[in-house]
Amino acid sequence: MSISAEERPGPGIRVVIVDDHAIFRSGLKADLDPNIVVAGEAGTVEEAIAVIAAVRPDVVLLDVHLPGGLGGGGREVLAGSAPLLGSTRFLALSVSDAAEDVVSVIRAGARGYVTKTISGKEISDAVRRVAGGDAVFSPRLAGFVLDAFGTAPADIADDELDRLSARELEVMRLIARGYSYKEVARELFISIKTVETHVSAVLRKLQLSNWHELTRWAAERRLL
């Protein structure tokens, strides 16, 4: 467990990084934007609960599969930090994109779940959004949460989907789930250039600016 000397008042978002790999913690710390202050670190369940209680950060970056405690990993940290859930928000990090891992930590109180493959810019953006009260998920994982919590599909205006061709609809769903252009091309047996053309058409027809907005649009309509 460590509490940083950077634990000082200021405009930055204060975070605690919880992960059992020191190298990963160091790399993540270096990748975060300058206005995100790492106020503490921990490598086990027990250390995490102690440092979170001491620091009371804005956001905890929490590894899902964490040693220590009674084997509950990230869920056990959330349970041990329950009194702080109103003021401290938890963003789960994992190499796993298994539905059971995602759903279990969300049920325990995490405000989001992202995989460790995302970039420093993306994780910094996720931290800011979670600190601001948003729920944040890597695109492929949003559908798990919608399914698990029984979100009823929103009414979809016919004219919204009627704007898209059958192929554009297929491309839209894959991009919204987080597939790369290369992965979409392989999945649909089309060229990357064709994927790019379809994505541009989808964004234009739905009046969206980027894939983040597309993912939100698709999730709201339960199209993932």
C-alpha atoms as a PDB file:
ATOM      1  CA  MET A   1       0.000   0.000   0.000  1.00  0.00           C
ATOM      2  CA  SER A   2       1.236   3.486  -0.735  1.00  0.00           C
ATOM      3  CA  ILE A   3      -0.215   6.942  -0.295  1.00  0.00           C
ATOM      4  CA  SER A   4       1.355   9.459  -2.618  1.00  0.00           C
ATOM      5  CA  ALA A   5       2.882  12.767  -1.645  1.00  0.00           C
ATOM      6  CA  GLU A   6       0.772  14.106  -4.505  1.00  0.00           C
ATOM      7  CA  GLU A   7      -2.261  13.831  -2.233  1.00  0.00           C
ATOM      8  CA  ARG A   8      -2.797  17.579  -2.139  1.00  0.00           C
ATOM      9  CA  PRO A   9      -5.654  19.954  -2.859  1.00  0.00           C
ATOM     10  CA  GLY A  10      -6.026  21.042  -6.451  1.00  0.00           C
ATOM     11  CA  PRO A  11      -8.229  20.994  -9.499  1.00  0.00           C
ATOM     12  CA  GLY A  12      -7.205  17.491 -10.565  1.00  0.00           C
ATOM     13  CA  ILE A  13      -9.213  14.304 -10.148  1.00  0.00           C
ATOM     14  CA  ARG A  14      -7.708  12.211  -7.341  1.00  0.00           C
ATOM     15  CA  VAL A  15      -7.477   8.483  -8.029  1.00  0.00           C
ATOM     16  CA  VAL A  16      -6.242   5.323  -6.357  1.00  0.00           C
ATOM     17  CA  ILE A  17      -4.863   2.556  -8.580  1.00  0.00           C
ATOM     18  CA  VAL A  18      -5.549  -0.983  -7.357  1.00  0.00           C
ATOM     19  CA  ASP A  19      -3.735  -3.749  -9.217  1.00  0.00           C
ATOM     20  CA  ASP A  20      -1.455  -6.579  -8.079  1.00  0.00           C
ATOM     21  CA  HIS A  21       1.119  -5.867 -10.800  1.00  0.00           C
ATOM     22  CA  ALA A  22       3.434  -2.992  -9.866  1.00  0.00           C
ATOM     23  CA  ILE A  23       4.615  -2.636 -13.458  1.00  0.00           C
ATOM     24  CA  PHE A  24       1.041  -2.178 -14.675  1.00  0.00           C
ATOM     25  CA  ARG A  25       0.394   0.417 -11.945  1.00  0.00           C
ATOM     26  CA  SER A  26       3.513   2.339 -12.975  1.00  0.00           C
ATOM     27  CA  GLY A  27       2.571   2.241 -16.644  1.00  0.00           C
ATOM     28  CA  LEU A  28      -0.994   3.343 -15.975  1.00  0.00           C
ATOM     29  CA  LYS A  29       0.192   6.150 -13.735  1.00  0.00           C
ATOM     30  CA  ALA A  30       2.508   7.402 -16.497  1.00  0.00           C
ATOM     31  CA  ASP A  31      -0.279   7.222 -19.112  1.00  0.00           C
ATOM     32  CA  LEU A  32      -2.871   9.243 -17.200  1.00  0.00           C
ATOM     33  CA  ASP A  33      -3.418  12.881 -18.080  1.00  0.00           C
ATOM     34  CA  PRO A  34      -1.575  15.444 -15.890  1.00  0.00           C
ATOM     35  CA  ASN A  35      -4.801  16.658 -14.277  1.00  0.00           C
ATOM     36  CA  ILE A  36      -5.461  13.174 -12.884  1.00  0.00           C
ATOM     37  CA  VAL A  37      -3.536  12.859  -9.618  1.00  0.00           C
ATOM     38  CA  VAL A  38      -2.594   9.386  -8.362  1.00  0.00           C
ATOM     39  CA  ALA A  39      -3.065   9.756  -4.598  1.00  0.00           C
ATOM     40  CA  GLY A  40      -2.472   6.113  -3.682  1.00  0.00           C
ATOM     41  CA  GLU A  41      -1.802   2.592  -4.886  1.00  0.00           C
ATOM     42  CA  ALA A  42      -2.517  -0.918  -3.616  1.00  0.00           C
ATOM     43  CA  GLY A  43      -1.784  -4.479  -4.700  1.00  0.00           C
ATOM     44  CA  THR A  44      -4.106  -6.622  -2.553  1.00  0.00           C
ATOM     45  CA  VAL A  45      -7.686  -6.538  -1.280  1.00  0.00           C
ATOM     46  CA  GLU A  46      -6.615  -5.589   2.248  1.00  0.00           C
ATOM     47  CA  GLU A  47      -4.262  -2.846   1.086  1.00  0.00           C
ATOM     48  CA  ALA A  48      -6.882  -1.478  -1.266  1.00  0.00           C
ATOM     49  CA  ILE A  49      -9.581  -1.172   1.380  1.00  0.00           C
ATOM     50  CA  ALA A  50      -7.124   0.553   3.737  1.00  0.00           C
ATOM     51  CA  VAL A  51      -5.734   3.073   1.244  1.00  0.00           C
ATOM     52  CA  ILE A  52      -9.157   3.929  -0.191  1.00  0.00           C
ATOM     53  CA  ALA A  53     -10.454   4.646   3.323  1.00  0.00           C
ATOM     54  CA  ALA A  54      -7.398   6.783   4.090  1.00  0.00           C
ATOM     55  CA  VAL A  55      -7.279   8.740   0.837  1.00  0.00           C
ATOM     56  CA  ARG A  56     -10.985   8.930  -0.064  1.00  0.00           C
ATOM     57  CA  PRO A  57     -10.262   9.499  -3.757  1.00  0.00           C
ATOM     58  CA  ASP A  58     -12.672  10.672  -6.421  1.00  0.00           C
ATOM     59  CA  VAL A  59     -12.174   7.505  -8.482  1.00  0.00           C
ATOM     60  CA  VAL A  60     -10.678   4.067  -7.828  1.00  0.00           C
ATOM     61  CA  LEU A  61      -9.195   2.203 -10.798  1.00  0.00           C
ATOM     62  CA  LEU A  62      -9.879  -1.323  -9.627  1.00  0.00           C
ATOM     63  CA  ASP A  63      -8.459  -4.565 -10.969  1.00  0.00           C
ATOM     64  CA  VAL A  64     -11.226  -7.180 -11.018  1.00  0.00           C
ATOM     65  CA  HIS A  65      -9.017 -10.196 -10.295  1.00  0.00           C
ATOM     66  CA  LEU A  66      -7.110  -9.162  -7.197  1.00  0.00           C
ATOM     67  CA  PRO A  67      -5.294 -11.401  -4.647  1.00  0.00           C
ATOM     68  CA  GLY A  68      -5.950 -11.304  -0.933  1.00  0.00           C
ATOM     69  CA  GLY A  69      -9.094 -11.200   1.138  1.00  0.00           C
ATOM     70  CA  LEU A  70     -11.451 -14.154   0.864  1.00  0.00           C
ATOM     71  CA  GLY A  71     -11.047 -14.620  -2.855  1.00  0.00           C
ATOM     72  CA  GLY A  72     -13.605 -12.038  -3.901  1.00  0.00           C
ATOM     73  CA  GLY A  73     -11.090  -9.819  -5.683  1.00  0.00           C
ATOM     74  CA  GLY A  74     -12.492  -6.522  -6.877  1.00  0.00           C
ATOM     75  CA  ARG A  75     -15.942  -7.342  -5.525  1.00  0.00           C
ATOM     76  CA  GLU A  76     -14.481  -7.692  -2.041  1.00  0.00           C
ATOM     77  CA  VAL A  77     -12.810  -4.280  -2.295  1.00  0.00           C
ATOM     78  CA  LEU A  78     -16.160  -2.785  -3.254  1.00  0.00           C
ATOM     79  CA  ALA A  79     -17.867  -4.518  -0.327  1.00  0.00           C
ATOM     80  CA  GLY A  80     -15.174  -3.298   2.074  1.00  0.00           C
ATOM     81  CA  SER A  81     -15.501   0.239   0.745  1.00  0.00           C
ATOM     82  CA  ALA A  82     -19.310   0.311   0.799  1.00  0.00           C
ATOM     83  CA  PRO A  83     -19.583   3.379   3.099  1.00  0.00           C
ATOM     84  CA  LEU A  84     -17.685   5.425   0.498  1.00  0.00           C
ATOM     85  CA  LEU A  85     -19.687   4.420  -2.572  1.00  0.00           C
ATOM     86  CA  GLY A  86     -21.663   7.636  -2.488  1.00  0.00           C
ATOM     87  CA  SER A  87     -18.585   9.868  -2.770  1.00  0.00           C
ATOM     88  CA  THR A  88     -15.924   7.632  -4.330  1.00  0.00           C
ATOM     89  CA  ARG A  89     -16.632   6.027  -7.690  1.00  0.00           C
ATOM     90  CA  PHE A  90     -15.098   2.770  -8.869  1.00  0.00           C
ATOM     91  CA  LEU A  91     -14.002   2.001 -12.426  1.00  0.00           C
ATOM     92  CA  ALA A  92     -13.190  -1.684 -12.945  1.00  0.00           C
ATOM     93  CA  LEU A  93     -10.167  -2.649 -15.041  1.00  0.00           C
ATOM     94  CA  SER A  94      -9.505  -6.132 -16.339  1.00  0.00           C
ATOM     95  CA  VAL A  95      -8.002  -8.211 -19.107  1.00  0.00           C
ATOM     96  CA  SER A  96     -11.261 -10.163 -18.986  1.00  0.00           C
ATOM     97  CA  ASP A  97     -14.307  -9.288 -21.073  1.00  0.00           C
ATOM     98  CA  ALA A  98     -16.373 -12.175 -19.673  1.00  0.00           C
ATOM     99  CA  ALA A  99     -20.006 -11.293 -18.975  1.00  0.00           C
ATOM    100  CA  GLU A 100     -19.919 -12.755 -15.460  1.00  0.00           C
ATOM    101  CA  ASP A 101     -16.969 -10.545 -14.465  1.00  0.00           C
ATOM    102  CA  VAL A 102     -18.603  -7.424 -15.832  1.00  0.00           C
ATOM    103  CA  VAL A 103     -21.968  -8.029 -14.231  1.00  0.00           C
ATOM    104  CA  SER A 104     -20.593  -9.074 -10.818  1.00  0.00           C
ATOM    105  CA  VAL A 105     -18.607  -5.892 -10.193  1.00  0.00           C
ATOM    106  CA  ILE A 106     -21.392  -3.657 -11.507  1.00  0.00           C
ATOM    107  CA  ARG A 107     -23.802  -5.339  -9.117  1.00  0.00           C
ATOM    108  CA  ALA A 108     -21.266  -4.726  -6.335  1.00  0.00           C
ATOM    109  CA  GLY A 109     -21.252  -0.994  -7.029  1.00  0.00           C
ATOM    110  CA  ALA A 110     -18.708  -0.193  -9.773  1.00  0.00           C
ATOM    111  CA  ARG A 111     -19.686   2.647 -12.095  1.00  0.00           C
ATOM    112  CA  GLY A 112     -17.981   1.212 -15.141  1.00  0.00           C
ATOM    113  CA  TYR A 113     -15.806  -1.516 -16.607  1.00  0.00           C
ATOM    114  CA  VAL A 114     -13.071  -1.167 -19.193  1.00  0.00           C
ATOM    115  CA  THR A 115     -10.538  -3.629 -20.530  1.00  0.00           C
ATOM    116  CA  LYS A 116      -6.811  -3.084 -20.101  1.00  0.00           C
ATOM    117  CA  THR A 117      -6.303  -2.849 -23.845  1.00  0.00           C
ATOM    118  CA  ILE A 118      -7.555   0.749 -23.994  1.00  0.00           C
ATOM    119  CA  SER A 119      -5.140   3.644 -24.429  1.00  0.00           C
ATOM    120  CA  GLY A 120      -3.994   6.164 -21.838  1.00  0.00           C
ATOM    121  CA  LYS A 121      -6.144   8.831 -23.471  1.00  0.00           C
ATOM    122  CA  GLU A 122      -9.203   6.565 -23.322  1.00  0.00           C
ATOM    123  CA  ILE A 123      -8.680   5.591 -19.681  1.00  0.00           C
ATOM    124  CA  SER A 124      -8.176   9.263 -18.759  1.00  0.00           C
ATOM    125  CA  ASP A 125     -11.433  10.111 -20.497  1.00  0.00           C
ATOM    126  CA  ALA A 126     -13.165   7.228 -18.677  1.00  0.00           C
ATOM    127  CA  VAL A 127     -11.870   8.507 -15.320  1.00  0.00           C
ATOM    128  CA  ARG A 128     -13.229  11.985 -16.000  1.00  0.00           C
ATOM    129  CA  ARG A 129     -16.600  10.633 -17.075  1.00  0.00           C
ATOM    130  CA  VAL A 130     -16.931   8.350 -14.054  1.00  0.00           C
ATOM    131  CA  ALA A 131     -15.861  11.184 -11.730  1.00  0.00           C
ATOM    132  CA  GLY A 132     -18.609  13.267 -13.314  1.00  0.00           C
ATOM    133  CA  GLY A 133     -21.239  10.622 -12.592  1.00  0.00           C
ATOM    134  CA  ASP A 134     -21.417   8.767 -15.906  1.00  0.00           C
ATOM    135  CA  ALA A 135     -21.356   4.989 -16.266  1.00  0.00           C
ATOM    136  CA  VAL A 136     -18.566   3.946 -18.629  1.00  0.00           C
ATOM    137  CA  PHE A 137     -18.023   0.637 -20.428  1.00  0.00           C
ATOM    138  CA  SER A 138     -15.755  -0.613 -23.167  1.00  0.00           C
ATOM    139  CA  PRO A 139     -18.078  -0.852 -26.189  1.00  0.00           C
ATOM    140  CA  ARG A 140     -18.225  -4.652 -26.374  1.00  0.00           C
ATOM    141  CA  LEU A 141     -19.332  -4.870 -22.730  1.00  0.00           C
ATOM    142  CA  ALA A 142     -22.331  -2.548 -22.701  1.00  0.00           C
ATOM    143  CA  GLY A 143     -24.673  -5.268 -23.961  1.00  0.00           C
ATOM    144  CA  PHE A 144     -23.839  -7.536 -21.011  1.00  0.00           C
ATOM    145  CA  VAL A 145     -24.997  -4.877 -18.573  1.00  0.00           C
ATOM    146  CA  LEU A 146     -28.180  -4.121 -20.494  1.00  0.00           C
ATOM    147  CA  ASP A 147     -29.044  -7.822 -20.610  1.00  0.00           C
ATOM    148  CA  ALA A 148     -28.201  -8.513 -16.967  1.00  0.00           C
ATOM    149  CA  PHE A 149     -30.217  -5.637 -15.584  1.00  0.00           C
ATOM    150  CA  GLY A 150     -33.210  -6.305 -17.770  1.00  0.00           C
ATOM    151  CA  THR A 151     -33.214  -2.974 -19.522  1.00  0.00           C
ATOM    152  CA  ALA A 152     -36.278  -2.849 -21.715  1.00  0.00           C
ATOM    153  CA  PRO A 153     -35.532  -1.942 -25.305  1.00  0.00           C
ATOM    154  CA  ALA A 154     -36.390   1.628 -26.064  1.00  0.00           C
ATOM    155  CA  ASP A 155     -38.915   2.328 -28.744  1.00  0.00           C
ATOM    156  CA  ILE A 156     -37.020   2.751 -31.963  1.00  0.00           C
ATOM    157  CA  ALA A 157     -38.382   5.256 -34.390  1.00  0.00           C
ATOM    158  CA  ASP A 158     -38.825   3.409 -37.675  1.00  0.00           C
ATOM    159  CA  ASP A 159     -37.303   6.228 -39.662  1.00  0.00           C
ATOM    160  CA  GLU A 160     -34.018   6.013 -37.716  1.00  0.00           C
ATOM    161  CA  LEU A 161     -33.267   2.454 -38.766  1.00  0.00           C
ATOM    162  CA  ASP A 162     -34.931   2.855 -42.140  1.00  0.00           C
ATOM    163  CA  ARG A 163     -32.166   5.278 -43.027  1.00  0.00           C
ATOM    164  CA  LEU A 164     -29.651   2.418 -42.938  1.00  0.00           C
ATOM    165  CA  SER A 165     -29.219  -0.355 -45.455  1.00  0.00           C
ATOM    166  CA  ALA A 166     -28.963  -3.946 -44.223  1.00  0.00           C
ATOM    167  CA  ARG A 167     -25.166  -3.870 -44.658  1.00  0.00           C
ATOM    168  CA  GLU A 168     -24.867  -0.507 -42.895  1.00  0.00           C
ATOM    169  CA  LEU A 169     -26.864  -1.920 -39.990  1.00  0.00           C
ATOM    170  CA  GLU A 170     -24.464  -4.879 -39.714  1.00  0.00           C
ATOM    171  CA  VAL A 171     -21.446  -2.568 -39.772  1.00  0.00           C
ATOM    172  CA  MET A 172     -23.052  -0.212 -37.258  1.00  0.00           C
ATOM    173  CA  ARG A 173     -23.631  -3.004 -34.730  1.00  0.00           C
ATOM    174  CA  LEU A 174     -20.059  -4.283 -34.967  1.00  0.00           C
ATOM    175  CA  ILE A 175     -18.468  -0.841 -34.722  1.00  0.00           C
ATOM    176  CA  ALA A 176     -20.719   0.013 -31.756  1.00  0.00           C
ATOM    177  CA  ARG A 177     -19.507  -3.157 -30.016  1.00  0.00           C
ATOM    178  CA  GLY A 178     -15.923  -1.985 -30.334  1.00  0.00           C
ATOM    179  CA  TYR A 179     -14.727  -3.938 -33.359  1.00  0.00           C
ATOM    180  CA  SER A 180     -11.902  -2.357 -35.353  1.00  0.00           C
ATOM    181  CA  TYR A 181     -12.352  -1.676 -39.063  1.00  0.00           C
ATOM    182  CA  LYS A 182     -10.067  -4.629 -39.789  1.00  0.00           C
ATOM    183  CA  GLU A 183     -12.161  -6.931 -37.572  1.00  0.00           C
ATOM    184  CA  VAL A 184     -15.400  -5.751 -39.213  1.00  0.00           C
ATOM    185  CA  ALA A 185     -13.928  -6.380 -42.653  1.00  0.00           C
ATOM    186  CA  ARG A 186     -12.903  -9.902 -41.670  1.00  0.00           C
ATOM    187  CA  GLU A 187     -16.272 -10.615 -40.029  1.00  0.00           C
ATOM    188  CA  LEU A 188     -18.320  -9.439 -43.028  1.00  0.00           C
ATOM    189  CA  PHE A 189     -15.883 -10.502 -45.774  1.00  0.00           C
ATOM    190  CA  ILE A 190     -15.533  -7.000 -47.163  1.00  0.00           C
ATOM    191  CA  SER A 191     -12.591  -4.632 -47.599  1.00  0.00           C
ATOM    192  CA  ILE A 192     -11.464  -2.157 -44.958  1.00  0.00           C
ATOM    193  CA  LYS A 193     -12.148   0.645 -47.463  1.00  0.00           C
ATOM    194  CA  THR A 194     -15.742  -0.567 -47.775  1.00  0.00           C
ATOM    195  CA  VAL A 195     -16.071  -0.586 -43.990  1.00  0.00           C
ATOM    196  CA  GLU A 196     -14.847   3.008 -43.860  1.00  0.00           C
ATOM    197  CA  THR A 197     -17.421   3.989 -46.491  1.00  0.00           C
ATOM    198  CA  HIS A 198     -20.250   2.311 -44.563  1.00  0.00           C
ATOM    199  CA  VAL A 199     -19.194   3.889 -41.246  1.00  0.00           C
ATOM    200  CA  SER A 200     -19.128   7.351 -42.816  1.00  0.00           C
ATOM    201  CA  ALA A 201     -22.605   6.748 -44.236  1.00  0.00           C
ATOM    202  CA  VAL A 202     -23.953   5.495 -40.894  1.00  0.00           C
ATOM    203  CA  LEU A 203     -22.600   8.486 -38.957  1.00  0.00           C
ATOM    204  CA  ARG A 204     -23.949  10.887 -41.557  1.00  0.00           C
ATOM    205  CA  LYS A 205     -27.418   9.314 -41.716  1.00  0.00           C
ATOM    206  CA  LEU A 206     -27.762   9.121 -37.929  1.00  0.00           C
ATOM    207  CA  GLN A 207     -26.248  12.599 -37.476  1.00  0.00           C
ATOM    208  CA  LEU A 208     -23.525  11.325 -35.134  1.00  0.00           C
ATOM    209  CA  SER A 209     -19.934  12.525 -34.896  1.00  0.00           C
ATOM    210  CA  ASN A 210     -17.891   9.495 -33.802  1.00  0.00           C
ATOM    211  CA  TRP A 211     -18.010   5.878 -32.636  1.00  0.00           C
ATOM    212  CA  HIS A 212     -18.455   6.906 -28.978  1.00  0.00           C
ATOM    213  CA  GLU A 213     -21.742   8.562 -29.907  1.00  0.00           C
ATOM    214  CA  LEU A 214     -22.618   5.591 -32.107  1.00  0.00           C
ATOM    215  CA  THR A 215     -22.080   3.173 -29.205  1.00  0.00           C
ATOM    216  CA  ARG A 216     -24.296   5.281 -26.956  1.00  0.00           C
ATOM    217  CA  TRP A 217     -26.962   5.514 -29.667  1.00  0.00           C
ATOM    218  CA  ALA A 218     -26.964   1.734 -30.192  1.00  0.00           C
ATOM    219  CA  ALA A 219     -26.933   0.950 -26.452  1.00  0.00           C
ATOM    220  CA  GLU A 220     -29.912   3.208 -25.789  1.00  0.00           C
ATOM    221  CA  ARG A 221     -31.855   1.266 -28.402  1.00  0.00           C
ATOM    222  CA  ARG A 222     -30.497  -2.098 -27.259  1.00  0.00           C
ATOM    223  CA  LEU A 223     -29.008  -2.883 -30.645  1.00  0.00           C
ATOM    224  CA  LEU A 224     -25.698  -4.221 -29.336  1.00  0.00           C
END
